[in-house]
N, C-alpha and C. Protein backbone atom coordinates (compact mmCIF):
# COMPACT_ATOMS: atom_id res chain seq x y z
N UNK A 1 -16.48 -0.89 -15.22
CA UNK A 1 -16.53 -2.22 -14.64
C UNK A 1 -17.92 -2.42 -14.02
N UNK A 2 -18.54 -3.55 -14.32
CA UNK A 2 -19.86 -3.84 -13.76
C UNK A 2 -19.73 -4.29 -12.30
N UNK A 3 -20.84 -4.31 -11.61
CA UNK A 3 -20.82 -4.75 -10.21
C UNK A 3 -20.43 -6.23 -10.12
N UNK A 4 -20.84 -7.03 -11.08
CA UNK A 4 -20.45 -8.45 -11.08
C UNK A 4 -18.95 -8.61 -11.31
N UNK A 5 -18.37 -7.77 -12.16
CA UNK A 5 -16.92 -7.80 -12.36
C UNK A 5 -16.19 -7.36 -11.10
N UNK A 6 -16.74 -6.36 -10.42
CA UNK A 6 -16.15 -5.91 -9.15
C UNK A 6 -16.21 -7.04 -8.11
N UNK A 7 -17.36 -7.72 -8.07
CA UNK A 7 -17.52 -8.83 -7.11
C UNK A 7 -16.53 -9.94 -7.41
N UNK A 8 -16.34 -10.25 -8.68
CA UNK A 8 -15.37 -11.28 -9.07
C UNK A 8 -13.95 -10.86 -8.68
N UNK A 9 -13.62 -9.58 -8.86
CA UNK A 9 -12.30 -9.08 -8.47
C UNK A 9 -12.12 -9.24 -6.95
N UNK A 10 -13.15 -8.90 -6.19
CA UNK A 10 -13.06 -9.02 -4.73
C UNK A 10 -12.84 -10.47 -4.31
N UNK A 11 -13.56 -11.39 -4.92
CA UNK A 11 -13.39 -12.81 -4.60
C UNK A 11 -11.99 -13.28 -4.97
N UNK A 12 -11.51 -12.86 -6.13
CA UNK A 12 -10.16 -13.23 -6.57
C UNK A 12 -9.11 -12.72 -5.58
N UNK A 13 -9.28 -11.49 -5.13
CA UNK A 13 -8.34 -10.93 -4.15
C UNK A 13 -8.37 -11.71 -2.85
N UNK A 14 -9.57 -12.02 -2.38
CA UNK A 14 -9.72 -12.76 -1.12
C UNK A 14 -9.10 -14.15 -1.23
N UNK A 15 -9.38 -14.85 -2.32
CA UNK A 15 -8.88 -16.21 -2.46
C UNK A 15 -7.38 -16.27 -2.73
N UNK A 16 -6.78 -15.14 -3.10
CA UNK A 16 -5.33 -15.11 -3.32
C UNK A 16 -4.56 -15.32 -2.02
N UNK A 17 -5.22 -15.03 -0.90
CA UNK A 17 -4.56 -15.15 0.39
C UNK A 17 -3.75 -13.92 0.77
N UNK A 18 -3.72 -12.92 -0.10
CA UNK A 18 -2.95 -11.71 0.16
C UNK A 18 -3.78 -10.59 0.79
N UNK A 19 -5.10 -10.72 0.72
CA UNK A 19 -5.99 -9.66 1.19
C UNK A 19 -7.07 -10.23 2.08
N UNK A 20 -7.47 -9.44 3.08
CA UNK A 20 -8.57 -9.87 3.93
C UNK A 20 -9.91 -9.46 3.30
N UNK A 21 -11.00 -9.78 3.96
CA UNK A 21 -12.33 -9.49 3.41
C UNK A 21 -12.56 -8.00 3.21
N UNK A 22 -12.22 -7.19 4.19
CA UNK A 22 -12.42 -5.74 4.09
C UNK A 22 -11.57 -5.16 2.97
N UNK A 23 -10.33 -5.59 2.87
CA UNK A 23 -9.44 -5.10 1.82
C UNK A 23 -9.97 -5.49 0.43
N UNK A 24 -10.45 -6.69 0.30
CA UNK A 24 -10.96 -7.16 -0.99
C UNK A 24 -12.14 -6.32 -1.45
N UNK A 25 -13.04 -6.00 -0.54
CA UNK A 25 -14.21 -5.19 -0.89
C UNK A 25 -13.81 -3.76 -1.20
N UNK A 26 -12.99 -3.15 -0.35
CA UNK A 26 -12.62 -1.76 -0.59
C UNK A 26 -11.83 -1.61 -1.90
N UNK A 27 -10.94 -2.54 -2.18
CA UNK A 27 -10.14 -2.46 -3.40
C UNK A 27 -11.02 -2.64 -4.64
N UNK A 28 -11.97 -3.54 -4.57
CA UNK A 28 -12.86 -3.78 -5.72
C UNK A 28 -13.75 -2.58 -6.02
N UNK A 29 -14.00 -1.77 -5.00
CA UNK A 29 -14.86 -0.59 -5.17
C UNK A 29 -14.06 0.72 -5.16
N UNK A 30 -12.75 0.63 -5.28
CA UNK A 30 -11.88 1.80 -5.16
C UNK A 30 -12.24 2.93 -6.12
N UNK A 31 -12.65 2.59 -7.32
CA UNK A 31 -12.95 3.64 -8.29
C UNK A 31 -14.21 4.43 -7.97
N UNK A 32 -14.93 4.02 -6.92
CA UNK A 32 -16.10 4.78 -6.47
C UNK A 32 -15.69 5.88 -5.49
N UNK A 33 -14.38 5.97 -5.22
CA UNK A 33 -13.88 6.93 -4.24
C UNK A 33 -12.78 7.79 -4.85
N UNK A 34 -12.30 8.73 -4.06
CA UNK A 34 -11.18 9.57 -4.48
C UNK A 34 -9.85 9.01 -4.00
N UNK A 35 -9.88 7.91 -3.25
CA UNK A 35 -8.66 7.28 -2.75
C UNK A 35 -8.18 6.20 -3.72
N UNK A 36 -6.92 5.90 -3.64
CA UNK A 36 -6.36 4.84 -4.49
C UNK A 36 -6.66 3.47 -3.88
N UNK A 37 -6.55 2.46 -4.71
CA UNK A 37 -6.72 1.09 -4.25
C UNK A 37 -5.70 0.79 -3.14
N UNK A 38 -4.47 1.24 -3.32
CA UNK A 38 -3.42 1.02 -2.32
C UNK A 38 -3.79 1.66 -0.98
N UNK A 39 -4.29 2.89 -1.01
CA UNK A 39 -4.69 3.57 0.23
C UNK A 39 -5.84 2.84 0.91
N UNK A 40 -6.80 2.38 0.14
CA UNK A 40 -7.94 1.67 0.71
C UNK A 40 -7.52 0.33 1.32
N UNK A 41 -6.58 -0.35 0.67
CA UNK A 41 -6.06 -1.61 1.21
C UNK A 41 -5.36 -1.35 2.55
N UNK A 42 -4.65 -0.25 2.64
CA UNK A 42 -3.97 0.09 3.89
C UNK A 42 -4.98 0.45 4.98
N UNK A 43 -5.96 1.27 4.65
CA UNK A 43 -6.97 1.71 5.62
C UNK A 43 -7.77 0.53 6.17
N UNK A 44 -8.08 -0.43 5.32
CA UNK A 44 -8.95 -1.53 5.73
C UNK A 44 -8.18 -2.75 6.26
N UNK A 45 -6.87 -2.65 6.39
CA UNK A 45 -6.04 -3.79 6.79
C UNK A 45 -6.40 -4.38 8.16
N UNK A 46 -6.86 -3.56 9.08
CA UNK A 46 -7.13 -4.05 10.44
C UNK A 46 -8.55 -4.54 10.67
N UNK A 47 -9.33 -4.67 9.61
CA UNK A 47 -10.74 -5.01 9.80
C UNK A 47 -11.10 -6.40 9.31
N UNK A 48 -10.20 -7.33 9.53
CA UNK A 48 -10.47 -8.71 9.12
C UNK A 48 -10.96 -9.54 10.31
N UNK A 49 -11.46 -10.71 9.99
CA UNK A 49 -11.89 -11.68 11.00
C UNK A 49 -12.85 -11.06 12.01
N UNK A 50 -13.75 -10.27 11.50
CA UNK A 50 -14.77 -9.70 12.36
C UNK A 50 -14.28 -8.55 13.21
N UNK A 51 -13.96 -7.45 12.57
CA UNK A 51 -13.56 -6.21 13.26
C UNK A 51 -12.30 -6.41 14.09
N UNK A 52 -11.19 -6.57 13.40
CA UNK A 52 -9.91 -6.67 14.08
C UNK A 52 -9.70 -8.00 14.78
N UNK A 53 -10.16 -9.08 14.15
CA UNK A 53 -9.99 -10.43 14.67
C UNK A 53 -10.77 -10.69 15.95
N UNK A 54 -11.88 -10.00 16.14
CA UNK A 54 -12.72 -10.19 17.32
C UNK A 54 -13.98 -10.99 17.01
N UNK A 55 -14.10 -11.49 15.78
CA UNK A 55 -15.24 -12.26 15.31
C UNK A 55 -16.57 -11.49 15.43
N UNK A 56 -16.50 -10.18 15.29
CA UNK A 56 -17.70 -9.34 15.35
C UNK A 56 -18.19 -9.08 13.92
N UNK A 57 -18.50 -7.85 13.58
CA UNK A 57 -19.04 -7.54 12.26
C UNK A 57 -18.10 -7.99 11.14
N UNK A 58 -18.66 -8.64 10.15
CA UNK A 58 -17.91 -9.16 9.01
C UNK A 58 -17.10 -8.05 8.35
N UNK A 59 -15.84 -8.34 8.06
CA UNK A 59 -14.96 -7.39 7.42
C UNK A 59 -15.46 -6.93 6.06
N UNK A 60 -16.13 -7.82 5.32
CA UNK A 60 -16.67 -7.44 4.02
C UNK A 60 -17.71 -6.33 4.18
N UNK A 61 -18.53 -6.42 5.22
CA UNK A 61 -19.52 -5.38 5.49
C UNK A 61 -18.85 -4.08 5.92
N UNK A 62 -17.81 -4.19 6.71
CA UNK A 62 -17.09 -3.00 7.14
C UNK A 62 -16.48 -2.30 5.91
N UNK A 63 -15.91 -3.07 5.00
CA UNK A 63 -15.37 -2.51 3.78
C UNK A 63 -16.43 -1.79 2.96
N UNK A 64 -17.59 -2.40 2.82
CA UNK A 64 -18.69 -1.77 2.08
C UNK A 64 -19.12 -0.48 2.76
N UNK A 65 -19.16 -0.49 4.08
CA UNK A 65 -19.53 0.71 4.83
C UNK A 65 -18.51 1.83 4.67
N UNK A 66 -17.23 1.47 4.62
CA UNK A 66 -16.18 2.46 4.40
C UNK A 66 -16.38 3.15 3.04
N UNK A 67 -16.61 2.34 2.02
CA UNK A 67 -16.78 2.90 0.68
C UNK A 67 -18.06 3.73 0.61
N UNK A 68 -19.11 3.29 1.28
CA UNK A 68 -20.36 4.06 1.30
C UNK A 68 -20.11 5.44 1.92
N UNK A 69 -19.34 5.49 2.99
CA UNK A 69 -19.01 6.76 3.63
C UNK A 69 -18.23 7.68 2.72
N UNK A 70 -17.28 7.10 1.99
CA UNK A 70 -16.49 7.91 1.05
C UNK A 70 -17.33 8.38 -0.13
N UNK A 71 -18.16 7.48 -0.65
CA UNK A 71 -18.96 7.85 -1.82
C UNK A 71 -20.03 8.89 -1.49
N UNK A 72 -20.65 8.77 -0.31
CA UNK A 72 -21.70 9.72 0.08
C UNK A 72 -21.12 10.96 0.74
N UNK A 73 -19.81 10.93 0.98
CA UNK A 73 -19.13 12.02 1.70
C UNK A 73 -19.77 12.23 3.09
N UNK A 74 -20.27 11.13 3.66
CA UNK A 74 -20.83 11.15 5.00
C UNK A 74 -22.28 11.56 5.09
N UNK A 75 -22.88 11.95 4.00
CA UNK A 75 -24.27 12.40 4.01
C UNK A 75 -25.21 11.25 3.67
N UNK A 76 -25.97 10.80 4.67
CA UNK A 76 -26.89 9.69 4.46
C UNK A 76 -26.23 8.32 4.53
N UNK A 77 -25.00 8.29 4.98
CA UNK A 77 -24.24 7.03 5.02
C UNK A 77 -24.87 6.01 5.95
N UNK A 78 -25.33 6.44 7.09
CA UNK A 78 -25.89 5.50 8.07
C UNK A 78 -27.07 4.73 7.48
N UNK A 79 -27.96 5.41 6.80
CA UNK A 79 -29.11 4.74 6.20
C UNK A 79 -28.67 3.74 5.13
N UNK A 80 -27.68 4.13 4.34
CA UNK A 80 -27.17 3.24 3.29
C UNK A 80 -26.51 2.00 3.90
N UNK A 81 -25.66 2.20 4.91
CA UNK A 81 -24.98 1.04 5.51
C UNK A 81 -25.97 0.14 6.23
N UNK A 82 -26.99 0.70 6.81
CA UNK A 82 -28.02 -0.12 7.45
C UNK A 82 -28.71 -1.02 6.42
N UNK A 83 -29.05 -0.45 5.27
CA UNK A 83 -29.68 -1.23 4.20
C UNK A 83 -28.74 -2.33 3.71
N UNK A 84 -27.47 -1.98 3.56
CA UNK A 84 -26.48 -2.97 3.13
C UNK A 84 -26.42 -4.12 4.14
N UNK A 85 -26.36 -3.78 5.42
CA UNK A 85 -26.30 -4.81 6.46
C UNK A 85 -27.55 -5.68 6.49
N UNK A 86 -28.70 -5.06 6.37
CA UNK A 86 -29.96 -5.82 6.40
C UNK A 86 -30.04 -6.80 5.23
N UNK A 87 -29.68 -6.34 4.05
CA UNK A 87 -29.71 -7.21 2.88
C UNK A 87 -28.67 -8.32 3.00
N UNK A 88 -27.50 -7.97 3.51
CA UNK A 88 -26.43 -8.96 3.72
C UNK A 88 -26.90 -10.04 4.69
N UNK A 89 -27.52 -9.63 5.78
CA UNK A 89 -28.02 -10.60 6.77
C UNK A 89 -29.04 -11.53 6.14
N UNK A 90 -29.88 -10.98 5.28
CA UNK A 90 -30.88 -11.79 4.61
C UNK A 90 -30.27 -12.82 3.66
N UNK A 91 -29.24 -12.44 2.96
CA UNK A 91 -28.61 -13.34 1.99
C UNK A 91 -27.63 -14.31 2.62
N UNK A 92 -26.91 -13.83 3.63
CA UNK A 92 -25.85 -14.65 4.24
C UNK A 92 -26.28 -15.36 5.52
N UNK A 93 -27.33 -14.86 6.14
CA UNK A 93 -27.82 -15.49 7.35
C UNK A 93 -27.33 -14.87 8.64
N UNK A 94 -26.41 -13.93 8.56
CA UNK A 94 -25.85 -13.27 9.75
C UNK A 94 -24.97 -12.11 9.28
N UNK A 95 -24.53 -11.28 10.23
CA UNK A 95 -23.56 -10.22 9.89
C UNK A 95 -22.28 -10.34 10.71
N UNK A 96 -22.29 -11.17 11.74
CA UNK A 96 -21.10 -11.35 12.56
C UNK A 96 -20.25 -12.49 12.01
N UNK A 97 -18.96 -12.24 11.93
CA UNK A 97 -18.01 -13.22 11.43
C UNK A 97 -18.16 -14.56 12.15
N UNK A 98 -18.25 -14.51 13.45
CA UNK A 98 -18.36 -15.72 14.26
C UNK A 98 -19.54 -16.57 13.79
N UNK A 99 -20.68 -15.93 13.54
CA UNK A 99 -21.87 -16.64 13.11
C UNK A 99 -21.75 -17.13 11.67
N UNK A 100 -21.15 -16.32 10.81
CA UNK A 100 -20.98 -16.68 9.41
C UNK A 100 -20.07 -17.89 9.24
N UNK A 101 -19.11 -18.03 10.16
CA UNK A 101 -18.15 -19.14 10.08
C UNK A 101 -18.61 -20.38 10.85
N UNK A 102 -19.77 -20.29 11.50
CA UNK A 102 -20.30 -21.44 12.24
C UNK A 102 -20.53 -22.61 11.29
N UNK A 103 -19.97 -23.75 11.65
CA UNK A 103 -20.04 -24.92 10.78
C UNK A 103 -21.33 -25.71 11.03
N UNK A 104 -21.99 -26.03 9.93
CA UNK A 104 -23.17 -26.89 9.96
C UNK A 104 -22.99 -27.90 8.85
N UNK A 105 -23.04 -29.17 9.20
CA UNK A 105 -22.82 -30.24 8.22
C UNK A 105 -21.50 -30.08 7.48
N UNK A 106 -20.48 -29.60 8.20
CA UNK A 106 -19.15 -29.47 7.63
C UNK A 106 -18.93 -28.24 6.76
N UNK A 107 -19.91 -27.35 6.71
CA UNK A 107 -19.80 -26.14 5.90
C UNK A 107 -20.12 -24.92 6.73
N UNK A 108 -19.42 -23.80 6.48
CA UNK A 108 -19.77 -22.57 7.19
C UNK A 108 -21.12 -22.04 6.70
N UNK A 109 -21.78 -21.27 7.54
CA UNK A 109 -23.05 -20.65 7.15
C UNK A 109 -22.88 -19.90 5.84
N UNK A 110 -21.82 -19.10 5.76
CA UNK A 110 -21.51 -18.36 4.52
C UNK A 110 -19.99 -18.22 4.43
N UNK A 111 -19.36 -18.88 3.46
CA UNK A 111 -17.91 -18.79 3.33
C UNK A 111 -17.46 -17.35 3.05
N UNK A 112 -16.25 -17.04 3.45
CA UNK A 112 -15.71 -15.68 3.27
C UNK A 112 -15.84 -15.18 1.83
N UNK A 113 -15.57 -16.04 0.87
CA UNK A 113 -15.65 -15.63 -0.53
C UNK A 113 -17.06 -15.17 -0.89
N UNK A 114 -18.06 -15.85 -0.36
CA UNK A 114 -19.45 -15.47 -0.63
C UNK A 114 -19.81 -14.19 0.12
N UNK A 115 -19.26 -14.02 1.30
CA UNK A 115 -19.49 -12.77 2.03
C UNK A 115 -18.95 -11.58 1.24
N UNK A 116 -17.75 -11.74 0.69
CA UNK A 116 -17.12 -10.70 -0.09
C UNK A 116 -17.95 -10.41 -1.35
N UNK A 117 -18.33 -11.47 -2.05
CA UNK A 117 -19.13 -11.32 -3.26
C UNK A 117 -20.45 -10.60 -2.93
N UNK A 118 -21.14 -11.08 -1.90
CA UNK A 118 -22.42 -10.49 -1.53
C UNK A 118 -22.28 -9.03 -1.11
N UNK A 119 -21.25 -8.71 -0.36
CA UNK A 119 -21.05 -7.32 0.09
C UNK A 119 -20.91 -6.38 -1.10
N UNK A 120 -20.16 -6.79 -2.11
CA UNK A 120 -19.95 -5.94 -3.29
C UNK A 120 -21.24 -5.83 -4.11
N UNK A 121 -21.91 -6.94 -4.34
CA UNK A 121 -23.13 -6.93 -5.14
C UNK A 121 -24.22 -6.10 -4.43
N UNK A 122 -24.38 -6.32 -3.14
CA UNK A 122 -25.37 -5.57 -2.38
C UNK A 122 -25.03 -4.08 -2.37
N UNK A 123 -23.76 -3.78 -2.22
CA UNK A 123 -23.33 -2.39 -2.28
C UNK A 123 -23.81 -1.76 -3.59
N UNK A 124 -23.57 -2.44 -4.68
CA UNK A 124 -23.98 -1.92 -5.97
C UNK A 124 -25.48 -1.73 -6.07
N UNK A 125 -26.23 -2.66 -5.54
CA UNK A 125 -27.69 -2.54 -5.57
C UNK A 125 -28.18 -1.36 -4.74
N UNK A 126 -27.65 -1.23 -3.55
CA UNK A 126 -28.10 -0.15 -2.63
C UNK A 126 -27.62 1.21 -3.11
N UNK A 127 -26.42 1.27 -3.63
CA UNK A 127 -25.84 2.54 -4.03
C UNK A 127 -26.17 2.93 -5.48
N UNK A 128 -26.95 2.10 -6.13
CA UNK A 128 -27.41 2.45 -7.48
C UNK A 128 -26.43 2.19 -8.59
N UNK A 129 -25.70 1.12 -8.51
CA UNK A 129 -24.74 0.74 -9.56
C UNK A 129 -25.51 0.20 -10.75
């Protein structure tokens, strides 16, 4: 599966209304880990709406960071997640859910679907997909 196909899967999951941003990203990248999609969906269930509904770090970024930790087995993960966050901030305009959902001219800075798409695509770029 290409990174674009993974991103499309993540967006489809998010727009279904059955999965949050973190779950959509972790499930779309599940084959990069030793865990099942079901296990990743369960692990990431509490990381929606900005870190447990606190409007902090975007759940899509948290999901990408989780997968980075699993894929790197914890070695060099911090540097990878920092790069993912920096690139995400550049493309989306922020990393906090509260800021991403801020309405300007009737539109959020970056809709959740785009956050999910960007998190997966950026993950692939940083992790060498």
